């Protein structure tokens, strides 16, 4: 009689499991990178929308939106941010007739992140600097990935980080 057993050995099974685990790890790393790039694309898109709504506001009012009666940051330049220590809590009050909802950073959807203790410079929040009595503005955010071109620090606006992206009026 033929005494041949059919099936896989333990070593063969372990090799297959190791290969599958390695492939799964590679896919997860790629997926995380894709997600961070998607969040960066959302940030850039938000800034484009904000710039358009601010331009419409400027055409209507003659200046860019300014902080409310409570200063949000220093008075020169005045800074709005979606971080939330006691002096920087009015990003959600930024509204114009041309902006239906105020966008928040994809990693800060509650608008309640306190970046005041962040010394790494990578806190992901939107910053709006109102400059020269509303004749100019700067919007800045730290991206998760380095931007295609290096931006450096924006003039007249005290925000920044290693992957800073900013636009001006």
N, C-alpha and C. Protein backbone atom coordinates (compact mmCIF):
# COMPACT_ATOMS: atom_id res chain seq x y z
N UNK A 1 0.80 -1.19 0.00
CA UNK A 1 0.00 0.00 0.00
C UNK A 1 0.84 1.25 0.00
N UNK A 2 0.22 2.26 -0.48
CA UNK A 2 0.87 3.55 -0.56
C UNK A 2 0.65 4.30 0.75
N UNK A 3 1.72 4.68 1.44
CA UNK A 3 1.62 5.33 2.73
C UNK A 3 2.03 6.81 2.63
N UNK A 4 1.55 7.53 1.61
CA UNK A 4 1.88 8.94 1.40
C UNK A 4 0.77 9.80 2.01
N UNK A 5 1.21 10.72 2.90
CA UNK A 5 0.24 11.62 3.53
C UNK A 5 0.16 12.91 2.72
N UNK A 6 -1.02 13.38 2.54
CA UNK A 6 -1.22 14.62 1.81
C UNK A 6 -1.47 15.74 2.81
N UNK A 7 -0.84 16.91 2.55
CA UNK A 7 -1.01 18.07 3.43
C UNK A 7 0.27 18.88 3.49
N UNK A 8 0.23 19.92 4.30
CA UNK A 8 1.37 20.81 4.43
C UNK A 8 2.09 20.54 5.74
N UNK A 9 3.38 20.74 5.73
CA UNK A 9 4.14 20.60 6.97
C UNK A 9 4.02 21.89 7.76
N UNK A 10 4.41 21.82 9.01
CA UNK A 10 4.35 22.99 9.88
C UNK A 10 5.25 24.10 9.36
N UNK A 11 6.40 23.76 8.88
CA UNK A 11 7.33 24.77 8.36
C UNK A 11 6.74 25.45 7.13
N UNK A 12 6.13 24.72 6.25
CA UNK A 12 5.51 25.32 5.08
C UNK A 12 4.41 26.30 5.48
N UNK A 13 3.60 25.93 6.45
CA UNK A 13 2.53 26.81 6.93
C UNK A 13 3.12 28.08 7.56
N UNK A 14 4.17 27.94 8.36
CA UNK A 14 4.79 29.10 8.98
C UNK A 14 5.40 30.05 7.94
N UNK A 15 6.00 29.51 6.90
CA UNK A 15 6.55 30.34 5.83
C UNK A 15 5.45 31.12 5.13
N UNK A 16 4.35 30.48 4.84
CA UNK A 16 3.22 31.16 4.18
C UNK A 16 2.65 32.24 5.08
N UNK A 17 2.50 31.95 6.37
CA UNK A 17 1.97 32.95 7.31
C UNK A 17 2.92 34.14 7.40
N UNK A 18 4.22 33.90 7.43
CA UNK A 18 5.20 34.98 7.49
C UNK A 18 5.13 35.86 6.24
N UNK A 19 4.99 35.25 5.08
CA UNK A 19 4.90 36.01 3.84
C UNK A 19 3.63 36.86 3.81
N UNK A 20 2.51 36.30 4.23
CA UNK A 20 1.25 37.05 4.27
C UNK A 20 1.36 38.22 5.26
N UNK A 21 1.97 37.99 6.42
CA UNK A 21 2.13 39.07 7.41
C UNK A 21 3.02 40.18 6.86
N UNK A 22 4.07 39.83 6.16
CA UNK A 22 4.96 40.83 5.57
C UNK A 22 4.22 41.66 4.53
N UNK A 23 3.46 41.01 3.69
CA UNK A 23 2.68 41.73 2.67
C UNK A 23 1.64 42.65 3.31
N UNK A 24 1.00 42.18 4.38
CA UNK A 24 0.00 42.99 5.07
C UNK A 24 0.66 44.23 5.68
N UNK A 25 1.84 44.08 6.25
CA UNK A 25 2.55 45.22 6.84
C UNK A 25 2.90 46.24 5.77
N UNK A 26 3.34 45.79 4.62
CA UNK A 26 3.69 46.70 3.53
C UNK A 26 2.46 47.47 3.05
N UNK A 27 1.34 46.78 2.94
CA UNK A 27 0.10 47.43 2.50
C UNK A 27 -0.35 48.46 3.53
N UNK A 28 -0.26 48.15 4.82
CA UNK A 28 -0.69 49.10 5.85
C UNK A 28 0.18 50.36 5.84
N UNK A 29 1.49 50.21 5.65
CA UNK A 29 2.36 51.38 5.59
C UNK A 29 1.99 52.24 4.39
N UNK A 30 1.75 51.62 3.25
CA UNK A 30 1.36 52.37 2.06
C UNK A 30 0.03 53.07 2.26
N UNK A 31 -0.89 52.41 2.93
CA UNK A 31 -2.20 53.00 3.19
C UNK A 31 -2.09 54.22 4.09
N UNK A 32 -1.27 54.16 5.12
CA UNK A 32 -1.09 55.30 6.01
C UNK A 32 -0.50 56.49 5.26
N UNK A 33 0.46 56.24 4.39
CA UNK A 33 1.06 57.31 3.60
C UNK A 33 0.00 57.94 2.68
N UNK A 34 -0.82 57.10 2.08
CA UNK A 34 -1.88 57.61 1.20
C UNK A 34 -2.89 58.44 1.98
N UNK A 35 -3.22 58.02 3.19
CA UNK A 35 -4.16 58.79 4.01
C UNK A 35 -3.59 60.14 4.39
N UNK A 36 -2.30 60.18 4.76
CA UNK A 36 -1.72 61.47 5.13
C UNK A 36 -1.65 62.40 3.92
N UNK A 37 -1.37 61.86 2.75
CA UNK A 37 -1.36 62.70 1.53
C UNK A 37 -2.77 63.20 1.22
N UNK A 38 -3.78 62.37 1.47
CA UNK A 38 -5.17 62.80 1.24
C UNK A 38 -5.54 63.93 2.21
N UNK A 39 -5.10 63.83 3.47
CA UNK A 39 -5.38 64.92 4.43
C UNK A 39 -4.67 66.20 4.01
N UNK A 40 -3.44 66.08 3.51
CA UNK A 40 -2.73 67.26 3.01
C UNK A 40 -3.47 67.88 1.83
N UNK A 41 -3.97 67.05 0.93
CA UNK A 41 -4.73 67.56 -0.21
C UNK A 41 -6.00 68.27 0.26
N UNK A 42 -6.63 67.76 1.30
CA UNK A 42 -7.82 68.42 1.86
C UNK A 42 -7.45 69.78 2.44
N UNK A 43 -6.30 69.86 3.11
CA UNK A 43 -5.85 71.14 3.67
C UNK A 43 -5.63 72.17 2.57
N UNK A 44 -4.95 71.77 1.50
CA UNK A 44 -4.70 72.69 0.39
C UNK A 44 -6.02 73.12 -0.26
N UNK A 45 -6.94 72.18 -0.40
CA UNK A 45 -8.26 72.50 -0.96
C UNK A 45 -9.03 73.47 -0.06
N UNK A 46 -8.96 73.24 1.27
CA UNK A 46 -9.61 74.16 2.21
C UNK A 46 -9.05 75.57 2.05
N UNK A 47 -7.74 75.68 1.89
CA UNK A 47 -7.13 76.99 1.75
C UNK A 47 -7.57 77.66 0.46
N UNK A 48 -7.74 76.89 -0.59
CA UNK A 48 -8.22 77.45 -1.85
C UNK A 48 -9.64 78.00 -1.67
N UNK A 49 -10.49 77.24 -0.98
CA UNK A 49 -11.86 77.70 -0.71
C UNK A 49 -11.86 78.94 0.17
N UNK A 50 -11.01 78.94 1.20
CA UNK A 50 -10.94 80.11 2.08
C UNK A 50 -10.47 81.33 1.31
N UNK A 51 -9.48 81.16 0.46
CA UNK A 51 -8.97 82.29 -0.32
C UNK A 51 -10.08 82.87 -1.21
N UNK A 52 -10.86 82.00 -1.85
CA UNK A 52 -11.95 82.47 -2.71
C UNK A 52 -13.02 83.20 -1.91
N UNK A 53 -13.40 82.64 -0.77
CA UNK A 53 -14.44 83.30 0.03
C UNK A 53 -13.92 84.62 0.60
N UNK A 54 -12.63 84.68 0.97
CA UNK A 54 -12.07 85.93 1.46
C UNK A 54 -12.00 86.98 0.36
N UNK A 55 -11.71 86.55 -0.87
CA UNK A 55 -11.68 87.51 -1.99
C UNK A 55 -13.07 88.09 -2.23
N UNK A 56 -14.09 87.26 -2.16
CA UNK A 56 -15.46 87.76 -2.31
C UNK A 56 -15.81 88.72 -1.18
N UNK A 57 -15.41 88.36 0.04
CA UNK A 57 -15.65 89.22 1.19
C UNK A 57 -14.93 90.57 1.01
N UNK A 58 -13.69 90.52 0.53
CA UNK A 58 -12.92 91.75 0.31
C UNK A 58 -13.60 92.65 -0.72
N UNK A 59 -14.09 92.05 -1.80
CA UNK A 59 -14.78 92.83 -2.83
C UNK A 59 -16.03 93.50 -2.27
N UNK A 60 -16.71 92.83 -1.35
CA UNK A 60 -17.95 93.35 -0.78
C UNK A 60 -17.69 94.40 0.30
N UNK A 61 -16.71 94.14 1.19
CA UNK A 61 -16.54 94.96 2.38
C UNK A 61 -15.34 95.91 2.30
N UNK A 62 -14.36 95.57 1.47
CA UNK A 62 -13.18 96.43 1.35
C UNK A 62 -12.04 96.04 2.27
N UNK A 63 -12.17 94.96 2.98
CA UNK A 63 -11.10 94.42 3.83
C UNK A 63 -11.36 92.94 4.01
N UNK A 64 -10.36 92.23 4.49
CA UNK A 64 -10.54 90.80 4.76
C UNK A 64 -11.18 90.63 6.13
N UNK A 65 -11.81 89.46 6.39
CA UNK A 65 -12.47 89.26 7.68
C UNK A 65 -11.49 89.45 8.83
N UNK A 66 -11.96 90.09 9.88
CA UNK A 66 -11.09 90.33 11.02
C UNK A 66 -11.63 89.61 12.25
N UNK A 67 -10.75 89.37 13.22
CA UNK A 67 -11.23 88.75 14.46
C UNK A 67 -12.29 89.60 15.11
N UNK A 68 -13.11 88.95 15.94
CA UNK A 68 -14.18 89.65 16.62
C UNK A 68 -13.65 90.59 17.69
N UNK A 69 -14.48 90.94 18.64
CA UNK A 69 -14.08 91.90 19.65
C UNK A 69 -13.00 91.35 20.57
N UNK A 70 -12.93 90.03 20.71
CA UNK A 70 -11.87 89.42 21.49
C UNK A 70 -10.72 89.11 20.56
N UNK A 71 -9.56 89.67 20.84
CA UNK A 71 -8.40 89.37 20.00
C UNK A 71 -8.01 87.91 20.17
N UNK A 72 -7.68 87.31 19.09
CA UNK A 72 -7.27 85.90 19.09
C UNK A 72 -5.79 85.85 18.79
N UNK A 73 -4.99 86.04 19.79
CA UNK A 73 -3.55 86.09 19.59
C UNK A 73 -3.07 87.50 19.83
N UNK A 74 -1.94 87.83 19.27
CA UNK A 74 -1.42 89.17 19.44
C UNK A 74 -2.24 90.14 18.61
N UNK A 75 -2.12 91.41 18.90
CA UNK A 75 -2.92 92.40 18.17
C UNK A 75 -2.28 92.80 16.86
N UNK A 76 -0.99 92.53 16.68
CA UNK A 76 -0.34 92.89 15.42
C UNK A 76 0.70 91.85 15.06
N UNK A 77 0.47 90.93 14.18
CA UNK A 77 -0.80 90.72 13.47
C UNK A 77 -1.80 89.97 14.34
N UNK A 78 -3.05 90.15 14.05
CA UNK A 78 -4.08 89.40 14.76
C UNK A 78 -4.16 88.00 14.15
N UNK A 79 -4.22 87.01 14.98
CA UNK A 79 -4.17 85.63 14.51
C UNK A 79 -5.42 84.89 14.95
N UNK A 80 -6.03 84.22 14.02
CA UNK A 80 -7.08 83.25 14.32
C UNK A 80 -6.49 81.88 14.15
N UNK A 81 -6.89 80.97 14.97
CA UNK A 81 -6.36 79.63 14.85
C UNK A 81 -7.43 78.67 15.31
N UNK A 82 -7.36 77.41 14.84
CA UNK A 82 -8.31 76.42 15.33
C UNK A 82 -7.72 75.62 16.49
N UNK A 83 -6.66 76.14 17.10
CA UNK A 83 -6.26 75.56 18.38
C UNK A 83 -7.05 76.25 19.46
N UNK A 84 -7.00 75.76 20.69
CA UNK A 84 -7.99 76.24 21.64
C UNK A 84 -7.47 76.51 23.05
N UNK A 85 -6.30 77.12 23.25
CA UNK A 85 -6.03 77.61 24.60
C UNK A 85 -6.87 78.87 24.83
N UNK A 86 -6.88 79.42 26.02
CA UNK A 86 -7.79 80.53 26.31
C UNK A 86 -7.70 81.71 25.34
N UNK A 87 -6.54 82.02 24.79
CA UNK A 87 -6.45 83.21 23.94
C UNK A 87 -6.58 82.92 22.45
N UNK A 88 -6.74 81.67 22.05
CA UNK A 88 -6.82 81.36 20.61
C UNK A 88 -8.04 80.48 20.32
N UNK A 89 -9.20 80.91 20.69
CA UNK A 89 -10.35 80.02 20.60
C UNK A 89 -11.41 80.47 19.62
N UNK A 90 -11.10 81.37 18.70
CA UNK A 90 -12.20 81.90 17.90
C UNK A 90 -12.15 81.51 16.44
N UNK A 91 -11.44 80.45 16.06
CA UNK A 91 -11.44 80.03 14.66
C UNK A 91 -12.85 79.73 14.20
N UNK A 92 -13.65 79.09 15.05
CA UNK A 92 -15.02 78.73 14.64
C UNK A 92 -15.90 79.95 14.45
N UNK A 93 -15.50 81.10 14.96
CA UNK A 93 -16.31 82.31 14.78
C UNK A 93 -16.00 83.00 13.47
N UNK A 94 -14.98 82.51 12.75
CA UNK A 94 -14.63 83.09 11.46
C UNK A 94 -15.77 82.79 10.49
N UNK A 95 -16.50 83.80 10.12
CA UNK A 95 -17.59 83.56 9.19
C UNK A 95 -17.80 84.78 8.32
N UNK A 96 -18.21 84.52 7.13
CA UNK A 96 -18.57 85.58 6.21
C UNK A 96 -19.82 85.10 5.48
N UNK A 97 -20.50 86.00 4.79
CA UNK A 97 -21.65 85.54 4.00
C UNK A 97 -21.22 84.58 2.88
N UNK A 98 -19.93 84.53 2.60
CA UNK A 98 -19.43 83.71 1.49
C UNK A 98 -18.80 82.41 1.98
N UNK A 99 -18.93 82.11 3.26
CA UNK A 99 -18.32 80.92 3.84
C UNK A 99 -19.38 80.22 4.70
N UNK A 100 -19.97 79.16 4.17
CA UNK A 100 -21.07 78.51 4.90
C UNK A 100 -20.58 77.78 6.15
N UNK A 101 -19.48 77.08 6.05
CA UNK A 101 -18.90 76.42 7.23
C UNK A 101 -17.40 76.69 7.27
N UNK A 102 -16.89 76.86 8.45
CA UNK A 102 -15.46 77.12 8.62
C UNK A 102 -14.74 75.77 8.61
N UNK A 103 -13.82 75.58 7.68
CA UNK A 103 -13.14 74.29 7.64
C UNK A 103 -12.17 74.12 8.81
N UNK A 104 -12.05 72.90 9.28
CA UNK A 104 -11.08 72.55 10.31
C UNK A 104 -10.07 71.58 9.73
N UNK A 105 -8.90 71.56 10.31
CA UNK A 105 -7.89 70.62 9.88
C UNK A 105 -8.42 69.19 10.02
N UNK A 106 -8.14 68.31 9.07
CA UNK A 106 -8.67 66.94 9.13
C UNK A 106 -8.27 66.16 10.39
N UNK A 107 -7.18 66.53 11.02
CA UNK A 107 -6.79 65.87 12.27
C UNK A 107 -7.31 66.62 13.49
N UNK A 108 -8.02 67.71 13.27
CA UNK A 108 -8.52 68.53 14.37
C UNK A 108 -9.97 68.89 14.10
N UNK A 109 -10.81 67.89 13.94
CA UNK A 109 -12.18 68.14 13.53
C UNK A 109 -13.04 68.73 14.63
N UNK A 110 -12.60 68.70 15.88
CA UNK A 110 -13.39 69.29 16.95
C UNK A 110 -13.03 70.74 17.20
N UNK A 111 -11.89 71.19 16.67
CA UNK A 111 -11.46 72.56 16.91
C UNK A 111 -11.01 72.78 18.33
N UNK A 112 -10.65 71.73 19.03
CA UNK A 112 -10.28 71.87 20.43
C UNK A 112 -8.88 71.40 20.77
N UNK A 113 -7.97 71.43 19.82
CA UNK A 113 -6.61 70.98 20.09
C UNK A 113 -5.82 72.13 20.69
N UNK A 114 -5.13 71.87 21.79
CA UNK A 114 -4.30 72.88 22.42
C UNK A 114 -2.86 72.70 21.95
N UNK A 115 -2.43 73.57 21.07
CA UNK A 115 -1.07 73.49 20.53
C UNK A 115 -0.10 74.37 21.29
N UNK A 116 -0.55 75.02 22.34
CA UNK A 116 0.33 75.96 23.04
C UNK A 116 1.51 75.25 23.68
N UNK A 117 1.34 73.98 24.05
CA UNK A 117 2.43 73.23 24.67
C UNK A 117 3.24 72.45 23.65
N UNK A 118 2.89 72.54 22.39
CA UNK A 118 3.58 71.78 21.35
C UNK A 118 4.87 72.48 20.98
N UNK A 119 6.00 71.85 21.28
CA UNK A 119 7.30 72.44 20.97
C UNK A 119 7.89 71.88 19.68
N UNK A 120 7.23 70.87 19.10
CA UNK A 120 7.77 70.25 17.89
C UNK A 120 7.45 71.05 16.64
N UNK A 121 6.45 71.94 16.71
CA UNK A 121 6.07 72.73 15.54
C UNK A 121 5.25 71.95 14.52
N UNK A 122 4.68 70.82 14.90
CA UNK A 122 3.93 70.02 13.94
C UNK A 122 2.45 69.92 14.29
N UNK A 123 1.97 70.78 15.14
CA UNK A 123 0.56 70.77 15.48
C UNK A 123 -0.24 71.11 14.23
N UNK A 124 -1.21 70.29 13.89
CA UNK A 124 -1.95 70.47 12.64
C UNK A 124 -3.20 71.30 12.88
N UNK A 125 -3.04 72.61 12.75
CA UNK A 125 -4.16 73.53 12.89
C UNK A 125 -4.03 74.59 11.81
N UNK A 126 -5.16 75.20 11.47
CA UNK A 126 -5.16 76.28 10.50
C UNK A 126 -4.91 77.60 11.25
N UNK A 127 -4.09 78.46 10.66
CA UNK A 127 -3.81 79.77 11.25
C UNK A 127 -4.16 80.84 10.22
N UNK A 128 -4.89 81.83 10.68
CA UNK A 128 -5.27 82.97 9.83
C UNK A 128 -4.70 84.22 10.47
N UNK A 129 -3.82 84.90 9.76
CA UNK A 129 -3.25 86.16 10.25
C UNK A 129 -3.88 87.31 9.47
N UNK A 130 -4.50 88.20 10.18
CA UNK A 130 -5.15 89.38 9.62
C UNK A 130 -4.13 90.51 9.67
N UNK A 131 -3.73 91.03 8.53
CA UNK A 131 -2.60 91.96 8.47
C UNK A 131 -3.01 93.31 7.88
N UNK A 132 -2.31 94.35 8.28
CA UNK A 132 -2.44 95.70 7.74
C UNK A 132 -3.90 96.16 7.67
N UNK A 133 -4.56 96.08 8.83
CA UNK A 133 -5.95 96.54 8.96
C UNK A 133 -6.87 95.88 7.94
N UNK A 134 -6.62 94.61 7.66
CA UNK A 134 -7.51 93.86 6.78
C UNK A 134 -7.21 93.98 5.31
N UNK A 135 -6.09 94.59 4.95
CA UNK A 135 -5.75 94.70 3.53
C UNK A 135 -5.00 93.47 3.03
N UNK A 136 -4.49 92.65 3.94
CA UNK A 136 -3.78 91.43 3.59
C UNK A 136 -4.08 90.35 4.63
N UNK A 137 -3.80 89.13 4.27
CA UNK A 137 -3.92 88.02 5.22
C UNK A 137 -2.92 86.95 4.84
N UNK A 138 -2.65 86.08 5.80
CA UNK A 138 -1.85 84.88 5.57
C UNK A 138 -2.58 83.71 6.21
N UNK A 139 -2.69 82.62 5.49
CA UNK A 139 -3.21 81.36 6.02
C UNK A 139 -2.06 80.37 6.05
N UNK A 140 -1.89 79.66 7.16
CA UNK A 140 -0.81 78.70 7.26
C UNK A 140 -1.25 77.42 7.94
N UNK A 141 -0.61 76.32 7.58
CA UNK A 141 -0.88 75.03 8.22
C UNK A 141 0.37 74.17 8.07
N UNK A 142 0.58 73.30 9.03
CA UNK A 142 1.65 72.31 8.93
C UNK A 142 1.11 71.07 8.24
N UNK A 143 1.71 70.72 7.11
CA UNK A 143 1.31 69.51 6.40
C UNK A 143 1.99 68.30 7.04
N UNK A 144 1.44 67.14 6.79
CA UNK A 144 2.05 65.91 7.30
C UNK A 144 3.23 65.48 6.45
N UNK A 145 3.22 65.84 5.18
CA UNK A 145 4.31 65.52 4.26
C UNK A 145 4.91 66.82 3.76
N UNK A 146 6.17 66.77 3.41
CA UNK A 146 6.83 67.99 2.92
C UNK A 146 6.14 68.47 1.65
N UNK A 147 5.86 69.78 1.54
CA UNK A 147 5.24 70.30 0.31
C UNK A 147 6.21 70.18 -0.87
N UNK A 148 5.66 70.27 -2.06
CA UNK A 148 6.47 70.13 -3.28
C UNK A 148 7.57 71.18 -3.34
N UNK A 149 7.28 72.38 -2.86
CA UNK A 149 8.31 73.41 -2.79
C UNK A 149 8.41 73.90 -1.35
N UNK A 150 9.60 74.25 -0.94
CA UNK A 150 9.80 74.74 0.42
C UNK A 150 9.21 76.14 0.53
N UNK A 151 8.42 76.37 1.55
CA UNK A 151 7.75 77.66 1.71
C UNK A 151 8.50 78.60 2.64
N UNK A 152 9.16 78.06 3.64
CA UNK A 152 9.80 78.92 4.63
C UNK A 152 8.76 79.61 5.48
N UNK A 153 9.18 80.42 6.44
CA UNK A 153 8.20 81.09 7.30
C UNK A 153 7.47 82.20 6.56
N UNK A 154 6.18 82.36 6.80
CA UNK A 154 5.45 83.45 6.15
C UNK A 154 5.86 84.77 6.77
N UNK A 155 5.95 85.82 5.97
CA UNK A 155 6.26 87.13 6.54
C UNK A 155 5.11 87.65 7.39
N UNK A 156 5.43 88.30 8.47
CA UNK A 156 4.43 88.96 9.34
C UNK A 156 3.42 88.02 9.98
N UNK A 157 3.75 86.76 10.15
CA UNK A 157 2.80 85.85 10.78
C UNK A 157 3.60 84.81 11.56
N UNK A 158 3.38 84.76 12.84
CA UNK A 158 4.18 83.90 13.71
C UNK A 158 3.64 82.48 13.76
N UNK A 159 3.64 81.81 12.63
CA UNK A 159 3.27 80.39 12.61
C UNK A 159 4.38 79.67 11.87
N UNK A 160 4.45 78.38 12.05
CA UNK A 160 5.48 77.66 11.32
C UNK A 160 5.64 76.24 11.80
N UNK A 161 6.42 75.49 11.07
CA UNK A 161 6.70 74.11 11.39
C UNK A 161 7.55 73.53 10.26
N UNK A 162 7.91 72.29 10.39
CA UNK A 162 8.82 71.70 9.39
C UNK A 162 8.21 71.55 8.01
N UNK A 163 6.92 71.35 7.90
CA UNK A 163 6.26 71.18 6.61
C UNK A 163 5.21 72.27 6.39
N UNK A 164 5.58 73.49 6.64
CA UNK A 164 4.63 74.60 6.59
C UNK A 164 4.18 74.87 5.16
N UNK A 165 2.87 75.03 5.02
CA UNK A 165 2.26 75.45 3.76
C UNK A 165 1.47 76.72 4.07
N UNK A 166 1.65 77.76 3.28
CA UNK A 166 0.90 78.98 3.54
C UNK A 166 0.58 79.70 2.24
N UNK A 167 -0.47 80.48 2.30
CA UNK A 167 -0.86 81.34 1.19
C UNK A 167 -1.11 82.74 1.73
N UNK A 168 -1.02 83.71 0.84
CA UNK A 168 -1.31 85.08 1.22
C UNK A 168 -2.31 85.69 0.26
N UNK A 169 -2.86 86.82 0.68
CA UNK A 169 -3.83 87.51 -0.17
C UNK A 169 -3.14 88.06 -1.39
